[in-house]
PDB file of N, CA and C in Angstrom:
ATOM      1  N   GLU A   1     140.608 -26.016 222.289  1.00  0.00           N
ATOM      2  CA  GLU A   1     139.503 -25.825 221.610  1.00  0.00           C
ATOM      3  C   GLU A   1     139.817 -24.738 220.903  1.00  0.00           C
ATOM      4  N   TYR A   2     139.949 -24.150 219.702  1.00  0.00           N
ATOM      5  CA  TYR A   2     140.322 -23.149 219.078  1.00  0.00           C
ATOM      6  C   TYR A   2     138.620 -22.813 218.035  1.00  0.00           C
ATOM      7  N   SER A   3     138.456 -21.394 218.340  1.00  0.00           N
ATOM      8  CA  SER A   3     136.834 -21.225 217.176  1.00  0.00           C
ATOM      9  C   SER A   3     137.309 -19.705 217.068  1.00  0.00           C
ATOM     10  N   THR A   4     136.903 -19.151 216.041  1.00  0.00           N
ATOM     11  CA  THR A   4     136.070 -18.311 215.510  1.00  0.00           C
ATOM     12  C   THR A   4     135.014 -17.324 215.556  1.00  0.00           C
ATOM     13  N   GLU A   5     134.087 -18.633 216.014  1.00  0.00           N
ATOM     14  CA  GLU A   5     132.764 -18.533 216.654  1.00  0.00           C
ATOM     15  C   GLU A   5     132.716 -18.830 218.446  1.00  0.00           C
ATOM     16  N   SER A   6     132.181 -17.682 219.056  1.00  0.00           N
ATOM     17  CA  SER A   6     131.779 -17.342 220.286  1.00  0.00           C
ATOM     18  C   SER A   6     130.526 -17.255 220.980  1.00  0.00           C
ATOM     19  N   GLY A   7     130.480 -17.660 221.966  1.00  0.00           N
ATOM     20  CA  GLY A   7     129.128 -16.482 222.931  1.00  0.00           C
ATOM     21  C   GLY A   7     129.737 -14.812 223.221  1.00  0.00           C
ATOM     22  N   PHE A   8     130.635 -14.334 222.600  1.00  0.00           N
ATOM     23  CA  PHE A   8     131.500 -13.354 223.047  1.00  0.00           C
ATOM     24  C   PHE A   8     131.166 -12.054 221.584  1.00  0.00           C
ATOM     25  N   THR A   9     131.259 -11.003 221.883  1.00  0.00           N
ATOM     26  CA  THR A   9     130.945  -9.968 221.183  1.00  0.00           C
ATOM     27  C   THR A   9     131.825  -9.006 222.096  1.00  0.00           C
ATOM     28  N   VAL A  10     132.939  -8.569 220.741  1.00  0.00           N
ATOM     29  CA  VAL A  10     134.251  -7.859 221.129  1.00  0.00           C
ATOM     30  C   VAL A  10     133.712  -6.230 220.355  1.00  0.00           C
ATOM     31  N   TYR A  11     133.670  -4.738 221.289  1.00  0.00           N
ATOM     32  CA  TYR A  11     133.171  -3.914 220.061  1.00  0.00           C
ATOM     33  C   TYR A  11     133.490  -2.884 221.089  1.00  0.00           C
ATOM     34  N   PRO A  12     133.312  -1.896 220.085  1.00  0.00           N
ATOM     35  CA  PRO A  12     133.670  -1.287 219.218  1.00  0.00           C
ATOM     36  C   PRO A  12     134.791  -1.578 218.065  1.00  0.00           C
ATOM     37  N   ASN A  13     134.887  -1.471 217.136  1.00  0.00           N
ATOM     38  CA  ASN A  13     136.207  -2.118 215.906  1.00  0.00           C
ATOM     39  C   ASN A  13     135.826  -1.281 214.724  1.00  0.00           C
ATOM     40  N   PRO A  14     136.746  -0.575 214.731  1.00  0.00           N
ATOM     41  CA  PRO A  14     137.859   0.400 215.194  1.00  0.00           C
ATOM     42  C   PRO A  14     137.338   0.958 216.493  1.00  0.00           C
ATOM     43  N   ALA A  15     138.261   0.949 217.492  1.00  0.00           N
ATOM     44  CA  ALA A  15     138.068   0.948 218.919  1.00  0.00           C
ATOM     45  C   ALA A  15     138.799   2.670 219.294  1.00  0.00           C
ATOM     46  N   VAL A  16     138.014   3.103 220.061  1.00  0.00           N
ATOM     47  CA  VAL A  16     139.082   4.555 219.925  1.00  0.00           C
ATOM     48  C   VAL A  16     139.819   4.637 221.721  1.00  0.00           C
ATOM     49  N   ASP A  17     139.114   4.603 222.863  1.00  0.00           N
ATOM     50  CA  ASP A  17     139.785   4.324 223.773  1.00  0.00           C
ATOM     51  C   ASP A  17     139.162   3.647 225.134  1.00  0.00           C
ATOM     52  N   ARG A  18     138.619   2.660 224.820  1.00  0.00           N
ATOM     53  CA  ARG A  18     137.708   1.393 225.388  1.00  0.00           C
ATOM     54  C   ARG A  18     137.024   0.489 224.421  1.00  0.00           C
ATOM     55  N   LEU A  19     137.468  -0.767 224.598  1.00  0.00           N
ATOM     56  CA  LEU A  19     136.771  -1.975 224.129  1.00  0.00           C
ATOM     57  C   LEU A  19     135.913  -2.597 225.303  1.00  0.00           C
ATOM     58  N   ARG A  20     134.787  -3.192 224.620  1.00  0.00           N
ATOM     59  CA  ARG A  20     133.878  -4.229 225.758  1.00  0.00           C
ATOM     60  C   ARG A  20     133.726  -5.203 225.086  1.00  0.00           C
ATOM     61  N   ILE A  21     133.502  -6.156 226.201  1.00  0.00           N
ATOM     62  CA  ILE A  21     133.675  -7.599 226.060  1.00  0.00           C
ATOM     63  C   ILE A  21     132.183  -7.727 226.193  1.00  0.00           C
ATOM     64  N   HIS A  22     131.616  -8.824 225.809  1.00  0.00           N
ATOM     65  CA  HIS A  22     130.009  -8.700 226.434  1.00  0.00           C
ATOM     66  C   HIS A  22     129.655 -10.629 226.219  1.00  0.00           C
ATOM     67  N   SER A  23     129.072 -10.952 226.736  1.00  0.00           N
ATOM     68  CA  SER A  23     128.701 -12.252 226.376  1.00  0.00           C
ATOM     69  C   SER A  23     127.025 -12.277 227.247  1.00  0.00           C
ATOM     70  N   ASN A  24     126.489 -13.191 226.670  1.00  0.00           N
ATOM     71  CA  ASN A  24     124.702 -13.507 227.119  1.00  0.00           C
ATOM     72  C   ASN A  24     125.028 -14.891 227.792  1.00  0.00           C
ATOM     73  N   ASP A  25     125.964 -15.536 227.852  1.00  0.00           N
ATOM     74  CA  ASP A  25     126.161 -17.085 228.161  1.00  0.00           C
ATOM     75  C   ASP A  25     126.666 -16.954 229.259  1.00  0.00           C
ATOM     76  N   ILE A  26     125.508 -17.127 230.660  1.00  0.00           N
ATOM     77  CA  ILE A  26     126.415 -17.174 232.084  1.00  0.00           C
ATOM     78  C   ILE A  26     127.376 -18.242 232.011  1.00  0.00           C
ATOM     79  N   SER A  27     126.911 -19.195 231.243  1.00  0.00           N
ATOM     80  CA  SER A  27     128.055 -20.427 231.574  1.00  0.00           C
ATOM     81  C   SER A  27     129.173 -20.562 231.242  1.00  0.00           C
ATOM     82  N   ILE A  28     129.602 -19.558 230.034  1.00  0.00           N
ATOM     83  CA  ILE A  28     130.881 -18.865 230.309  1.00  0.00           C
ATOM     84  C   ILE A  28     131.558 -17.829 230.774  1.00  0.00           C
ATOM     85  N   LYS A  29     130.457 -17.015 231.629  1.00  0.00           N
ATOM     86  CA  LYS A  29     131.207 -15.909 231.895  1.00  0.00           C
ATOM     87  C   LYS A  29     132.269 -15.946 232.822  1.00  0.00           C
ATOM     88  N   LYS A  30     132.228 -16.766 233.763  1.00  0.00           N
ATOM     89  CA  LYS A  30     133.592 -16.911 234.877  1.00  0.00           C
ATOM     90  C   LYS A  30     134.568 -17.042 234.217  1.00  0.00           C
ATOM     91  N   ASP A  31     135.698 -16.870 235.118  1.00  0.00           N
ATOM     92  CA  ASP A  31     137.362 -17.495 234.959  1.00  0.00           C
ATOM     93  C   ASP A  31     137.575 -16.942 233.345  1.00  0.00           C
ATOM     94  N   VAL A  32     137.340 -16.438 232.851  1.00  0.00           N
ATOM     95  CA  VAL A  32     137.546 -15.912 231.164  1.00  0.00           C
ATOM     96  C   VAL A  32     138.538 -15.060 231.314  1.00  0.00           C
ATOM     97  N   VAL A  33     139.746 -15.279 230.111  1.00  0.00           N
ATOM     98  CA  VAL A  33     140.566 -14.911 230.343  1.00  0.00           C
ATOM     99  C   VAL A  33     141.077 -13.943 228.842  1.00  0.00           C
ATOM    100  N   PHE A  34     141.490 -12.753 228.801  1.00  0.00           N
ATOM    101  CA  PHE A  34     141.156 -11.817 227.704  1.00  0.00           C
ATOM    102  C   PHE A  34     142.595 -11.601 227.358  1.00  0.00           C
ATOM    103  N   SER A  35     143.222 -11.725 226.758  1.00  0.00           N
ATOM    104  CA  SER A  35     144.716 -11.622 226.275  1.00  0.00           C
ATOM    105  C   SER A  35     145.108 -10.993 225.200  1.00  0.00           C
ATOM    106  N   ILE A  36     145.500  -9.688 224.767  1.00  0.00           N
ATOM    107  CA  ILE A  36     145.854  -8.753 224.170  1.00  0.00           C
ATOM    108  C   ILE A  36     147.012  -8.842 223.600  1.00  0.00           C
ATOM    109  N   PHE A  37     147.533  -8.698 221.948  1.00  0.00           N
ATOM    110  CA  PHE A  37     148.871  -9.033 221.202  1.00  0.00           C
ATOM    111  C   PHE A  37     149.101  -7.713 220.383  1.00  0.00           C
ATOM    112  N   ASN A  38     150.182  -7.543 220.491  1.00  0.00           N
ATOM    113  CA  ASN A  38     150.497  -6.446 219.421  1.00  0.00           C
ATOM    114  C   ASN A  38     150.852  -7.309 218.448  1.00  0.00           C
ATOM    115  N   SER A  39     151.106  -6.253 216.930  1.00  0.00           N
ATOM    116  CA  SER A  39     151.111  -7.113 215.641  1.00  0.00           C
ATOM    117  C   SER A  39     152.271  -7.829 215.461  1.00  0.00           C
ATOM    118  N   ASN A  40     153.329  -8.029 216.582  1.00  0.00           N
ATOM    119  CA  ASN A  40     154.605  -8.872 216.861  1.00  0.00           C
ATOM    120  C   ASN A  40     154.177 -10.041 217.229  1.00  0.00           C
ATOM    121  N   GLY A  41     152.847  -9.810 217.514  1.00  0.00           N
ATOM    122  CA  GLY A  41     152.838 -11.161 218.697  1.00  0.00           C
ATOM    123  C   GLY A  41     153.098 -11.334 219.837  1.00  0.00           C
ATOM    124  N   GLN A  42     153.294 -10.177 220.502  1.00  0.00           N
ATOM    125  CA  GLN A  42     153.987 -10.139 221.733  1.00  0.00           C
ATOM    126  C   GLN A  42     152.591  -9.686 222.968  1.00  0.00           C
ATOM    127  N   LEU A  43     152.883 -10.720 223.955  1.00  0.00           N
ATOM    128  CA  LEU A  43     151.582 -10.136 224.700  1.00  0.00           C
ATOM    129  C   LEU A  43     151.616  -8.673 225.539  1.00  0.00           C
ATOM    130  N   THR A  44     150.730  -8.131 225.456  1.00  0.00           N
ATOM    131  CA  THR A  44     150.449  -6.681 225.807  1.00  0.00           C
ATOM    132  C   THR A  44     149.998  -6.397 227.044  1.00  0.00           C
ATOM    133  N   ASN A  45     148.773  -7.231 227.295  1.00  0.00           N
ATOM    134  CA  ASN A  45     147.340  -7.431 228.458  1.00  0.00           C
ATOM    135  C   ASN A  45     147.285  -8.676 228.308  1.00  0.00           C
ATOM    136  N   LYS A  46     146.800  -9.102 229.850  1.00  0.00           N
ATOM    137  CA  LYS A  46     146.123  -9.766 229.926  1.00  0.00           C
ATOM    138  C   LYS A  46     145.425  -9.937 231.184  1.00  0.00           C
ATOM    139  N   ILE A  47     143.801 -10.130 231.108  1.00  0.00           N
ATOM    140  CA  ILE A  47     142.763  -9.700 232.047  1.00  0.00           C
ATOM    141  C   ILE A  47     141.769 -10.727 232.288  1.00  0.00           C
ATOM    142  N   HIS A  48     141.822 -10.788 233.705  1.00  0.00           N
ATOM    143  CA  HIS A  48     140.764 -11.998 233.764  1.00  0.00           C
ATOM    144  C   HIS A  48     139.559 -11.069 234.150  1.00  0.00           C
ATOM    145  N   LEU A  49     138.562 -11.466 233.384  1.00  0.00           N
ATOM    146  CA  LEU A  49     137.341 -10.783 233.644  1.00  0.00           C
ATOM    147  C   LEU A  49     136.542 -12.047 234.228  1.00  0.00           C
ATOM    148  N   ASP A  50     135.207 -11.158 235.048  1.00  0.00           N
ATOM    149  CA  ASP A  50     134.395 -12.084 236.257  1.00  0.00           C
ATOM    150  C   ASP A  50     133.040 -11.862 235.653  1.00  0.00           C
ATOM    151  N   GLU A  51     133.001 -10.561 234.527  1.00  0.00           N
ATOM    152  CA  GLU A  51     131.383  -9.979 234.693  1.00  0.00           C
ATOM    153  C   GLU A  51     130.948 -10.533 233.081  1.00  0.00           C
ATOM    154  N   ILE A  52     129.705 -10.246 232.689  1.00  0.00           N
ATOM    155  CA  ILE A  52     129.070 -10.522 231.634  1.00  0.00           C
ATOM    156  C   ILE A  52     129.682  -9.180 230.415  1.00  0.00           C
ATOM    157  N   ILE A  53     129.468  -8.215 230.722  1.00  0.00           N
ATOM    158  CA  ILE A  53     129.994  -7.117 230.258  1.00  0.00           C
ATOM    159  C   ILE A  53     131.265  -6.471 230.615  1.00  0.00           C
ATOM    160  N   THR A  54     132.698  -5.921 230.317  1.00  0.00           N
ATOM    161  CA  THR A  54     133.458  -5.952 230.788  1.00  0.00           C
ATOM    162  C   THR A  54     134.348  -4.555 229.597  1.00  0.00           C
ATOM    163  N   GLU A  55     134.820  -3.387 230.375  1.00  0.00           N
ATOM    164  CA  GLU A  55     135.394  -2.530 229.452  1.00  0.00           C
ATOM    165  C   GLU A  55     137.026  -2.557 229.757  1.00  0.00           C
ATOM    166  N   ILE A  56     137.574  -2.531 228.492  1.00  0.00           N
ATOM    167  CA  ILE A  56     138.967  -2.228 228.869  1.00  0.00           C
ATOM    168  C   ILE A  56     139.819  -0.767 227.854  1.00  0.00           C
ATOM    169  N   SER A  57     140.233  -0.384 229.298  1.00  0.00           N
ATOM    170  CA  SER A  57     140.696   1.090 228.727  1.00  0.00           C
ATOM    171  C   SER A  57     141.839   1.141 227.567  1.00  0.00           C
ATOM    172  N   LEU A  58     141.773   1.420 226.572  1.00  0.00           N
ATOM    173  CA  LEU A  58     143.157   1.127 225.526  1.00  0.00           C
ATOM    174  C   LEU A  58     143.989   2.391 225.475  1.00  0.00           C
ATOM    175  N   ASN A  59     143.813   3.617 226.641  1.00  0.00           N
ATOM    176  CA  ASN A  59     144.499   4.609 226.871  1.00  0.00           C
ATOM    177  C   ASN A  59     146.069   4.667 226.700  1.00  0.00           C
ATOM    178  N   THR A  60     146.578   3.454 226.962  1.00  0.00           N
ATOM    179  CA  THR A  60     148.053   3.320 227.027  1.00  0.00           C
ATOM    180  C   THR A  60     148.299   2.612 225.602  1.00  0.00           C
ATOM    181  N   PHE A  61     147.470   2.278 225.083  1.00  0.00           N
ATOM    182  CA  PHE A  61     147.702   1.705 223.328  1.00  0.00           C
ATOM    183  C   PHE A  61     148.072   2.772 223.030  1.00  0.00           C
ATOM    184  N   SER A  62     149.219   2.422 221.775  1.00  0.00           N
ATOM    185  CA  SER A  62     149.243   3.063 220.085  1.00  0.00           C
ATOM    186  C   SER A  62     148.206   2.510 219.540  1.00  0.00           C
ATOM    187  N   SER A  63     148.520   3.190 218.568  1.00  0.00           N
ATOM    188  CA  SER A  63     147.320   2.982 217.303  1.00  0.00           C
ATOM    189  C   SER A  63     148.026   1.932 216.833  1.00  0.00           C
ATOM    190  N   GLY A  64     147.292   1.278 216.071  1.00  0.00           N
ATOM    191  CA  GLY A  64     147.298   0.139 215.474  1.00  0.00           C
ATOM    192  C   GLY A  64     146.797  -0.935 215.369  1.00  0.00           C
ATOM    193  N   ILE A  65     146.940  -2.509 214.941  1.00  0.00           N
ATOM    194  CA  ILE A  65     146.400  -3.642 214.587  1.00  0.00           C
ATOM    195  C   ILE A  65     146.749  -4.190 216.069  1.00  0.00           C
ATOM    196  N   TYR A  66     145.644  -4.834 216.480  1.00  0.00           N
ATOM    197  CA  TYR A  66     145.852  -5.856 218.011  1.00  0.00           C
ATOM    198  C   TYR A  66     144.985  -6.938 217.767  1.00  0.00           C
ATOM    199  N   PHE A  67     145.524  -7.961 218.493  1.00  0.00           N
ATOM    200  CA  PHE A  67     144.530  -9.246 218.180  1.00  0.00           C
ATOM    201  C   PHE A  67     144.464  -9.840 219.382  1.00  0.00           C
ATOM    202  N   TYR A  68     143.589 -10.362 219.646  1.00  0.00           N
ATOM    203  CA  TYR A  68     143.020 -11.156 221.520  1.00  0.00           C
ATOM    204  C   TYR A  68     142.694 -12.240 221.037  1.00  0.00           C
ATOM    205  N   SER A  69     142.905 -13.367 222.327  1.00  0.00           N
ATOM    206  CA  SER A  69     142.363 -14.219 222.491  1.00  0.00           C
ATOM    207  C   SER A  69     141.733 -14.475 223.909  1.00  0.00           C
ATOM    208  N   ILE A  70     140.306 -15.143 223.711  1.00  0.00           N
ATOM    209  CA  ILE A  70     139.277 -15.128 224.772  1.00  0.00           C
ATOM    210  C   ILE A  70     139.831 -16.901 225.100  1.00  0.00           C
ATOM    211  N   THR A  71     139.744 -17.296 226.461  1.00  0.00           N
ATOM    212  CA  THR A  71     139.703 -18.214 226.692  1.00  0.00           C
ATOM    213  C   THR A  71     138.644 -18.269 228.037  1.00  0.00           C
ATOM    214  N   ASP A  72     137.496 -19.265 227.711  1.00  0.00           N
ATOM    215  CA  ASP A  72     136.539 -19.141 228.959  1.00  0.00           C
ATOM    216  C   ASP A  72     136.703 -20.564 229.471  1.00  0.00           C
ATOM    217  N   SER A  73     135.528 -20.416 230.598  1.00  0.00           N
ATOM    218  CA  SER A  73     135.987 -21.244 231.896  1.00  0.00           C
ATOM    219  C   SER A  73     135.627 -22.906 231.530  1.00  0.00           C
ATOM    220  N   ASN A  74     135.073 -23.238 229.917  1.00  0.00           N
ATOM    221  CA  ASN A  74     135.482 -24.618 229.127  1.00  0.00           C
ATOM    222  C   ASN A  74     136.774 -24.840 228.518  1.00  0.00           C
ATOM    223  N   ASN A  75     137.952 -23.773 228.503  1.00  0.00           N
ATOM    224  CA  ASN A  75     138.926 -23.794 227.720  1.00  0.00           C
ATOM    225  C   ASN A  75     139.137 -23.603 226.658  1.00  0.00           C
ATOM    226  N   LYS A  76     137.788 -23.148 226.020  1.00  0.00           N
ATOM    227  CA  LYS A  76     137.511 -22.896 224.662  1.00  0.00           C
ATOM    228  C   LYS A  76     138.223 -21.603 224.422  1.00  0.00           C
ATOM    229  N   ILE A  77     138.955 -21.359 223.145  1.00  0.00           N
ATOM    230  CA  ILE A  77     139.710 -20.330 222.775  1.00  0.00           C
ATOM    231  C   ILE A  77     139.284 -19.703 221.414  1.00  0.00           C
ATOM    232  N   THR A  78     138.950 -18.001 221.936  1.00  0.00           N
ATOM    233  CA  THR A  78     138.047 -17.563 220.580  1.00  0.00           C
ATOM    234  C   THR A  78     139.573 -16.393 220.144  1.00  0.00           C
ATOM    235  N   CYS A  79     139.811 -16.142 218.880  1.00  0.00           N
ATOM    236  CA  CYS A  79     140.839 -15.308 218.661  1.00  0.00           C
ATOM    237  C   CYS A  79     139.905 -14.460 218.037  1.00  0.00           C
ATOM    238  N   GLY A  80     140.813 -13.232 217.738  1.00  0.00           N
ATOM    239  CA  GLY A  80     140.095 -11.620 216.388  1.00  0.00           C
ATOM    240  C   GLY A  80     141.071 -10.687 216.924  1.00  0.00           C
ATOM    241  N   LYS A  81     140.792  -9.929 216.097  1.00  0.00           N
ATOM    242  CA  LYS A  81     141.730  -8.606 215.869  1.00  0.00           C
ATOM    243  C   LYS A  81     140.558  -7.301 216.151  1.00  0.00           C
ATOM    244  N   PHE A  82     141.302  -6.346 216.719  1.00  0.00           N
ATOM    245  CA  PHE A  82     140.676  -5.014 216.527  1.00  0.00           C
ATOM    246  C   PHE A  82     141.459  -3.989 216.168  1.00  0.00           C
ATOM    247  N   ILE A  83     141.124  -2.668 215.561  1.00  0.00           N
ATOM    248  CA  ILE A  83     141.740  -1.848 215.354  1.00  0.00           C
ATOM    249  C   ILE A  83     141.690  -0.700 216.241  1.00  0.00           C
TER     250      ILE A  83
END
């Protein structure tokens, strides 16, 4: 299932050195996969999240537009972008 609405909040946008993923919904917080793609559609990072709030370091990323997908424990996929 694909959605642009989810129980996740990804912030700040634009991001400088860290990106945070937050969810208040305990039922979807386990076994979450957060994937980051560059503007060419290439997978640059894939992270398994196990906490309600997670920070991802962006120190190794070049400036630009990135896309993400979040796959939750119910196999619901949420997509978005960040700068």
